[in-house]
Amino acid sequence: LIAERFSGRVKHYFTINEPQCVSVLGY
C-alpha cells in the first residue's frame, strides 16, 4: 500500500527498526 501511494516520491525505505527491541523488549 505504501509503495503504491508514494511511488515516485519516496525512493528510500527501511523495513523494520531495531528488531532486537521489538523481540527482546516487547516479548
PDB file of all heavy atoms in Angstrom:
ATOM      1  N   LEU A   1       0.828  -1.205   0.000  1.00  0.00           N
ATOM      2  CA  LEU A   1       0.000   0.000   0.000  1.00  0.00           C
ATOM      3  C   LEU A   1       0.865   1.258   0.000  1.00  0.00           C
ATOM      4  O   LEU A   1       0.635   2.189  -0.786  1.00  0.00           O
ATOM      5  CB  LEU A   1      -0.919  -0.007   1.231  1.00  0.00           C
ATOM      6  CG  LEU A   1      -1.707   1.284   1.483  1.00  0.00           C
ATOM      7  CD1 LEU A   1      -2.737   1.521   0.392  1.00  0.00           C
ATOM      8  CD2 LEU A   1      -2.371   1.250   2.867  1.00  0.00           C
ATOM      9  N   ILE A   2       1.865   1.292   0.874  1.00  0.00           N
ATOM     10  CA  ILE A   2       2.732   2.469   0.966  1.00  0.00           C
ATOM     11  C   ILE A   2       3.501   2.657  -0.336  1.00  0.00           C
ATOM     12  O   ILE A   2       3.630   3.785  -0.839  1.00  0.00           O
ATOM     13  CB  ILE A   2       3.700   2.319   2.159  1.00  0.00           C
ATOM     14  CG1 ILE A   2       2.920   2.249   3.477  1.00  0.00           C
ATOM     15  CG2 ILE A   2       4.693   3.472   2.185  1.00  0.00           C
ATOM     16  CD1 ILE A   2       2.003   3.421   3.745  1.00  0.00           C
ATOM     17  N   ALA A   3       4.011   1.570  -0.905  1.00  0.00           N
ATOM     18  CA  ALA A   3       4.756   1.671  -2.159  1.00  0.00           C
ATOM     19  C   ALA A   3       3.889   2.245  -3.272  1.00  0.00           C
ATOM     20  O   ALA A   3       4.335   3.104  -4.047  1.00  0.00           O
ATOM     21  CB  ALA A   3       5.289   0.304  -2.556  1.00  0.00           C
ATOM     22  N   GLU A   4       2.648   1.775  -3.356  1.00  0.00           N
ATOM     23  CA  GLU A   4       1.744   2.248  -4.404  1.00  0.00           C
ATOM     24  C   GLU A   4       1.429   3.728  -4.245  1.00  0.00           C
ATOM     25  O   GLU A   4       1.456   4.499  -5.215  1.00  0.00           O
ATOM     26  CB  GLU A   4       0.450   1.436  -4.370  1.00  0.00           C
ATOM     27  CG  GLU A   4       0.610   0.000  -4.849  1.00  0.00           C
ATOM     28  CD  GLU A   4      -0.607  -0.853  -4.547  1.00  0.00           C
ATOM     29  OE1 GLU A   4      -1.548  -0.349  -3.870  1.00  0.00           O
ATOM     30  OE2 GLU A   4      -0.622  -2.028  -4.960  1.00  0.00           O
ATOM     31  N   ARG A   5       1.148   4.146  -3.010  1.00  0.00           N
ATOM     32  CA  ARG A   5       0.705   5.513  -2.790  1.00  0.00           C
ATOM     33  C   ARG A   5       1.857   6.531  -2.870  1.00  0.00           C
ATOM     34  O   ARG A   5       1.615   7.700  -3.177  1.00  0.00           O
ATOM     35  CB  ARG A   5       0.019   5.619  -1.428  1.00  0.00           C
ATOM     36  CG  ARG A   5      -1.265   4.812  -1.336  1.00  0.00           C
ATOM     37  CD  ARG A   5      -2.296   5.233  -2.400  1.00  0.00           C
ATOM     38  NE  ARG A   5      -3.547   4.518  -2.237  1.00  0.00           N
ATOM     39  CZ  ARG A   5      -4.579   4.974  -1.527  1.00  0.00           C
ATOM     40  NH1 ARG A   5      -4.499   6.151  -0.921  1.00  0.00           N
ATOM     41  NH2 ARG A   5      -5.683   4.249  -1.433  1.00  0.00           N
ATOM     42  N   PHE A   6       3.074   6.095  -2.579  1.00  0.00           N
ATOM     43  CA  PHE A   6       4.192   7.048  -2.564  1.00  0.00           C
ATOM     44  C   PHE A   6       5.190   6.789  -3.685  1.00  0.00           C
ATOM     45  O   PHE A   6       6.287   7.333  -3.682  1.00  0.00           O
ATOM     46  CB  PHE A   6       4.871   7.021  -1.202  1.00  0.00           C
ATOM     47  CG  PHE A   6       3.973   7.484  -0.092  1.00  0.00           C
ATOM     48  CD1 PHE A   6       3.335   6.574   0.735  1.00  0.00           C
ATOM     49  CD2 PHE A   6       3.726   8.831   0.093  1.00  0.00           C
ATOM     50  CE1 PHE A   6       2.485   7.002   1.739  1.00  0.00           C
ATOM     51  CE2 PHE A   6       2.870   9.268   1.095  1.00  0.00           C
ATOM     52  CZ  PHE A   6       2.244   8.351   1.926  1.00  0.00           C
ATOM     53  N   SER A   7       4.776   5.981  -4.634  1.00  0.00           N
ATOM     54  CA  SER A   7       5.639   5.647  -5.759  1.00  0.00           C
ATOM     55  C   SER A   7       6.084   6.904  -6.494  1.00  0.00           C
ATOM     56  O   SER A   7       5.284   7.795  -6.783  1.00  0.00           O
ATOM     57  CB  SER A   7       4.886   4.729  -6.726  1.00  0.00           C
ATOM     58  OG  SER A   7       5.731   4.275  -7.732  1.00  0.00           O
ATOM     59  N   GLY A   8       7.382   6.972  -6.785  1.00  0.00           N
ATOM     60  CA  GLY A   8       7.937   8.127  -7.471  1.00  0.00           C
ATOM     61  C   GLY A   8       8.321   9.266  -6.564  1.00  0.00           C
ATOM     62  O   GLY A   8       9.079  10.156  -6.957  1.00  0.00           O
ATOM     63  N   ARG A   9       7.803   9.254  -5.341  1.00  0.00           N
ATOM     64  CA  ARG A   9       8.141  10.319  -4.394  1.00  0.00           C
ATOM     65  C   ARG A   9       9.061   9.825  -3.281  1.00  0.00           C
ATOM     66  O   ARG A   9       9.990  10.528  -2.879  1.00  0.00           O
ATOM     67  CB  ARG A   9       6.862  10.911  -3.786  1.00  0.00           C
ATOM     68  CG  ARG A   9       6.014  11.692  -4.788  1.00  0.00           C
ATOM     69  CD  ARG A   9       4.812  12.330  -4.103  1.00  0.00           C
ATOM     70  NE  ARG A   9       3.840  11.320  -3.672  1.00  0.00           N
ATOM     71  CZ  ARG A   9       2.853  11.563  -2.798  1.00  0.00           C
ATOM     72  NH1 ARG A   9       2.747  12.765  -2.234  1.00  0.00           N
ATOM     73  NH2 ARG A   9       1.995  10.609  -2.485  1.00  0.00           N
ATOM     74  N   VAL A  10       8.809   8.631  -2.767  1.00  0.00           N
ATOM     75  CA  VAL A  10       9.682   8.029  -1.756  1.00  0.00           C
ATOM     76  C   VAL A  10      10.540   6.978  -2.445  1.00  0.00           C
ATOM     77  O   VAL A  10      10.013   6.044  -3.055  1.00  0.00           O
ATOM     78  CB  VAL A  10       8.873   7.403  -0.611  1.00  0.00           C
ATOM     79  CG1 VAL A  10       9.807   6.688   0.360  1.00  0.00           C
ATOM     80  CG2 VAL A  10       8.061   8.469   0.116  1.00  0.00           C
ATOM     81  N   LYS A  11      11.845   7.129  -2.343  1.00  0.00           N
ATOM     82  CA  LYS A  11      12.770   6.239  -3.037  1.00  0.00           C
ATOM     83  C   LYS A  11      13.686   5.474  -2.101  1.00  0.00           C
ATOM     84  O   LYS A  11      14.513   4.679  -2.552  1.00  0.00           O
ATOM     85  CB  LYS A  11      13.589   7.042  -4.049  1.00  0.00           C
ATOM     86  CG  LYS A  11      12.729   7.727  -5.109  1.00  0.00           C
ATOM     87  CD  LYS A  11      13.553   8.575  -6.054  1.00  0.00           C
ATOM     88  CE  LYS A  11      12.646   9.277  -7.078  1.00  0.00           C
ATOM     89  NZ  LYS A  11      13.433  10.143  -8.008  1.00  0.00           N
ATOM     90  N   HIS A  12      13.549   5.732  -0.801  1.00  0.00           N
ATOM     91  CA  HIS A  12      14.373   5.040   0.194  1.00  0.00           C
ATOM     92  C   HIS A  12      13.477   4.537   1.326  1.00  0.00           C
ATOM     93  O   HIS A  12      12.708   5.322   1.906  1.00  0.00           O
ATOM     94  CB  HIS A  12      15.449   5.969   0.771  1.00  0.00           C
ATOM     95  CG  HIS A  12      16.454   6.423  -0.245  1.00  0.00           C
ATOM     96  ND1 HIS A  12      16.217   7.494  -1.081  1.00  0.00           N
ATOM     97  CD2 HIS A  12      17.695   5.954  -0.546  1.00  0.00           C
ATOM     98  CE1 HIS A  12      17.275   7.671  -1.863  1.00  0.00           C
ATOM     99  NE2 HIS A  12      18.179   6.745  -1.561  1.00  0.00           N
ATOM    100  N   TYR A  13      13.599   3.257   1.625  1.00  0.00           N
ATOM    101  CA  TYR A  13      12.793   2.650   2.680  1.00  0.00           C
ATOM    102  C   TYR A  13      13.659   1.831   3.636  1.00  0.00           C
ATOM    103  O   TYR A  13      14.626   1.182   3.222  1.00  0.00           O
ATOM    104  CB  TYR A  13      11.751   1.701   2.079  1.00  0.00           C
ATOM    105  CG  TYR A  13      10.598   2.370   1.371  1.00  0.00           C
ATOM    106  CD1 TYR A  13      10.606   2.519  -0.009  1.00  0.00           C
ATOM    107  CD2 TYR A  13       9.490   2.826   2.081  1.00  0.00           C
ATOM    108  CE1 TYR A  13       9.540   3.117  -0.671  1.00  0.00           C
ATOM    109  CE2 TYR A  13       8.421   3.427   1.431  1.00  0.00           C
ATOM    110  CZ  TYR A  13       8.450   3.571   0.054  1.00  0.00           C
ATOM    111  OH  TYR A  13       7.382   4.165  -0.597  1.00  0.00           O
ATOM    112  N   PHE A  14      13.277   1.863   4.892  1.00  0.00           N
ATOM    113  CA  PHE A  14      13.744   0.911   5.887  1.00  0.00           C
ATOM    114  C   PHE A  14      12.530   0.076   6.280  1.00  0.00           C
ATOM    115  O   PHE A  14      11.462   0.629   6.544  1.00  0.00           O
ATOM    116  CB  PHE A  14      14.303   1.622   7.129  1.00  0.00           C
ATOM    117  CG  PHE A  14      15.464   2.521   6.839  1.00  0.00           C
ATOM    118  CD1 PHE A  14      15.268   3.885   6.627  1.00  0.00           C
ATOM    119  CD2 PHE A  14      16.757   2.023   6.769  1.00  0.00           C
ATOM    120  CE1 PHE A  14      16.336   4.725   6.356  1.00  0.00           C
ATOM    121  CE2 PHE A  14      17.826   2.859   6.499  1.00  0.00           C
ATOM    122  CZ  PHE A  14      17.622   4.215   6.292  1.00  0.00           C
ATOM    123  N   THR A  15      12.688  -1.235   6.315  1.00  0.00           N
ATOM    124  CA  THR A  15      11.543  -2.081   6.639  1.00  0.00           C
ATOM    125  C   THR A  15      11.213  -2.022   8.125  1.00  0.00           C
ATOM    126  O   THR A  15      10.130  -1.572   8.511  1.00  0.00           O
ATOM    127  CB  THR A  15      11.811  -3.535   6.220  1.00  0.00           C
ATOM    128  OG1 THR A  15      13.025  -3.980   6.838  1.00  0.00           O
ATOM    129  CG2 THR A  15      11.906  -3.649   4.711  1.00  0.00           C
ATOM    130  N   ILE A  16      12.140  -2.474   8.962  1.00  0.00           N
ATOM    131  CA  ILE A  16      11.876  -2.614  10.397  1.00  0.00           C
ATOM    132  C   ILE A  16      12.993  -1.958  11.194  1.00  0.00           C
ATOM    133  O   ILE A  16      14.171  -2.157  10.919  1.00  0.00           O
ATOM    134  CB  ILE A  16      11.745  -4.099  10.784  1.00  0.00           C
ATOM    135  CG1 ILE A  16      10.538  -4.714  10.063  1.00  0.00           C
ATOM    136  CG2 ILE A  16      11.596  -4.268  12.304  1.00  0.00           C
ATOM    137  CD1 ILE A  16      10.396  -6.211  10.251  1.00  0.00           C
ATOM    138  N   ASN A  17      12.610  -1.169  12.173  1.00  0.00           N
ATOM    139  CA  ASN A  17      13.564  -0.519  13.062  1.00  0.00           C
ATOM    140  C   ASN A  17      13.815  -1.388  14.291  1.00  0.00           C
ATOM    141  O   ASN A  17      12.881  -1.813  14.968  1.00  0.00           O
ATOM    142  CB  ASN A  17      13.024   0.841  13.519  1.00  0.00           C
ATOM    143  CG  ASN A  17      13.987   1.555  14.450  1.00  0.00           C
ATOM    144  OD1 ASN A  17      14.968   2.145  14.018  1.00  0.00           O
ATOM    145  ND2 ASN A  17      13.722   1.483  15.753  1.00  0.00           N
ATOM    146  N   GLU A  18      15.084  -1.657  14.551  1.00  0.00           N
ATOM    147  CA  GLU A  18      15.527  -2.350  15.757  1.00  0.00           C
ATOM    148  C   GLU A  18      14.697  -3.596  16.082  1.00  0.00           C
ATOM    149  O   GLU A  18      13.968  -3.640  17.083  1.00  0.00           O
ATOM    150  CB  GLU A  18      15.539  -1.382  16.938  1.00  0.00           C
ATOM    151  CG  GLU A  18      16.541  -0.253  16.750  1.00  0.00           C
ATOM    152  CD  GLU A  18      16.665   0.671  17.941  1.00  0.00           C
ATOM    153  OE1 GLU A  18      15.751   0.679  18.803  1.00  0.00           O
ATOM    154  OE2 GLU A  18      17.668   1.406  18.027  1.00  0.00           O
ATOM    155  N   PRO A  19      14.804  -4.616  15.232  1.00  0.00           N
ATOM    156  CA  PRO A  19      14.075  -5.857  15.534  1.00  0.00           C
ATOM    157  C   PRO A  19      14.467  -6.452  16.884  1.00  0.00           C
ATOM    158  O   PRO A  19      13.678  -7.188  17.488  1.00  0.00           O
ATOM    159  CB  PRO A  19      14.456  -6.783  14.376  1.00  0.00           C
ATOM    160  CG  PRO A  19      15.709  -6.206  13.800  1.00  0.00           C
ATOM    161  CD  PRO A  19      15.591  -4.731  13.992  1.00  0.00           C
ATOM    162  N   GLN A  20      15.674  -6.120  17.355  1.00  0.00           N
ATOM    163  CA  GLN A  20      16.095  -6.597  18.679  1.00  0.00           C
ATOM    164  C   GLN A  20      15.171  -6.049  19.766  1.00  0.00           C
ATOM    165  O   GLN A  20      14.779  -6.775  20.694  1.00  0.00           O
ATOM    166  CB  GLN A  20      17.534  -6.160  18.960  1.00  0.00           C
ATOM    167  CG  GLN A  20      18.567  -6.768  18.029  1.00  0.00           C
ATOM    168  CD  GLN A  20      18.819  -5.939  16.770  1.00  0.00           C
ATOM    169  OE1 GLN A  20      18.030  -5.073  16.407  1.00  0.00           O
ATOM    170  NE2 GLN A  20      19.928  -6.213  16.102  1.00  0.00           N
ATOM    171  N   CYS A  21      14.829  -4.768  19.665  1.00  0.00           N
ATOM    172  CA  CYS A  21      13.932  -4.170  20.658  1.00  0.00           C
ATOM    173  C   CYS A  21      12.525  -4.731  20.530  1.00  0.00           C
ATOM    174  O   CYS A  21      11.850  -4.993  21.539  1.00  0.00           O
ATOM    175  CB  CYS A  21      13.904  -2.651  20.504  1.00  0.00           C
ATOM    176  SG  CYS A  21      15.462  -1.823  20.928  1.00  0.00           S
ATOM    177  N   VAL A  22      12.071  -4.920  19.287  1.00  0.00           N
ATOM    178  CA  VAL A  22      10.738  -5.475  19.061  1.00  0.00           C
ATOM    179  C   VAL A  22      10.600  -6.810  19.779  1.00  0.00           C
ATOM    180  O   VAL A  22       9.614  -7.073  20.489  1.00  0.00           O
ATOM    181  CB  VAL A  22      10.477  -5.642  17.552  1.00  0.00           C
ATOM    182  CG1 VAL A  22       9.132  -6.335  17.324  1.00  0.00           C
ATOM    183  CG2 VAL A  22      10.511  -4.299  16.834  1.00  0.00           C
ATOM    184  N   SER A  23      11.604  -7.674  19.617  1.00  0.00           N
ATOM    185  CA  SER A  23      11.504  -9.043  20.126  1.00  0.00           C
ATOM    186  C   SER A  23      11.921  -9.162  21.581  1.00  0.00           C
ATOM    187  O   SER A  23      11.198  -9.757  22.396  1.00  0.00           O
ATOM    188  CB  SER A  23      12.346  -9.977  19.261  1.00  0.00           C
ATOM    189  OG  SER A  23      13.695  -9.527  19.172  1.00  0.00           O
ATOM    190  N   VAL A  24      13.076  -8.597  21.946  1.00  0.00           N
ATOM    191  CA  VAL A  24      13.582  -8.769  23.313  1.00  0.00           C
ATOM    192  C   VAL A  24      12.788  -7.929  24.308  1.00  0.00           C
ATOM    193  O   VAL A  24      12.275  -8.441  25.319  1.00  0.00           O
ATOM    194  CB  VAL A  24      15.088  -8.418  23.399  1.00  0.00           C
ATOM    195  CG1 VAL A  24      15.574  -8.543  24.844  1.00  0.00           C
ATOM    196  CG2 VAL A  24      15.904  -9.342  22.490  1.00  0.00           C
ATOM    197  N   LEU A  25      12.666  -6.630  24.033  1.00  0.00           N
ATOM    198  CA  LEU A  25      11.980  -5.754  24.984  1.00  0.00           C
ATOM    199  C   LEU A  25      10.472  -5.954  24.967  1.00  0.00           C
ATOM    200  O   LEU A  25       9.807  -5.787  25.991  1.00  0.00           O
ATOM    201  CB  LEU A  25      12.319  -4.290  24.695  1.00  0.00           C
ATOM    202  CG  LEU A  25      13.792  -3.901  24.803  1.00  0.00           C
ATOM    203  CD1 LEU A  25      13.965  -2.402  24.582  1.00  0.00           C
ATOM    204  CD2 LEU A  25      14.375  -4.302  26.149  1.00  0.00           C
ATOM    205  N   GLY A  26       9.928  -6.305  23.812  1.00  0.00           N
ATOM    206  CA  GLY A  26       8.483  -6.466  23.711  1.00  0.00           C
ATOM    207  C   GLY A  26       7.966  -7.810  24.182  1.00  0.00           C
ATOM    208  O   GLY A  26       6.864  -7.900  24.729  1.00  0.00           O
ATOM    209  N   TYR A  27       8.798  -8.870  24.001  1.00  0.00           N
ATOM    210  CA  TYR A  27       8.275 -10.222  24.232  1.00  0.00           C
ATOM    211  C   TYR A  27       9.121 -11.075  25.186  1.00  0.00           C
ATOM    212  O   TYR A  27       8.733 -12.197  25.495  1.00  0.00           O
ATOM    213  CB  TYR A  27       8.142 -10.958  22.906  1.00  0.00           C
ATOM    214  CG  TYR A  27       7.053 -10.416  22.011  1.00  0.00           C
ATOM    215  CD1 TYR A  27       7.307  -9.384  21.111  1.00  0.00           C
ATOM    216  CD2 TYR A  27       5.758 -10.922  22.066  1.00  0.00           C
ATOM    217  CE1 TYR A  27       6.310  -8.886  20.283  1.00  0.00           C
ATOM    218  CE2 TYR A  27       4.750 -10.436  21.240  1.00  0.00           C
ATOM    219  CZ  TYR A  27       5.031  -9.413  20.352  1.00  0.00           C
ATOM    220  OH  TYR A  27       4.036  -8.919  19.539  1.00  0.00           O
TER     221      TYR A  27
END
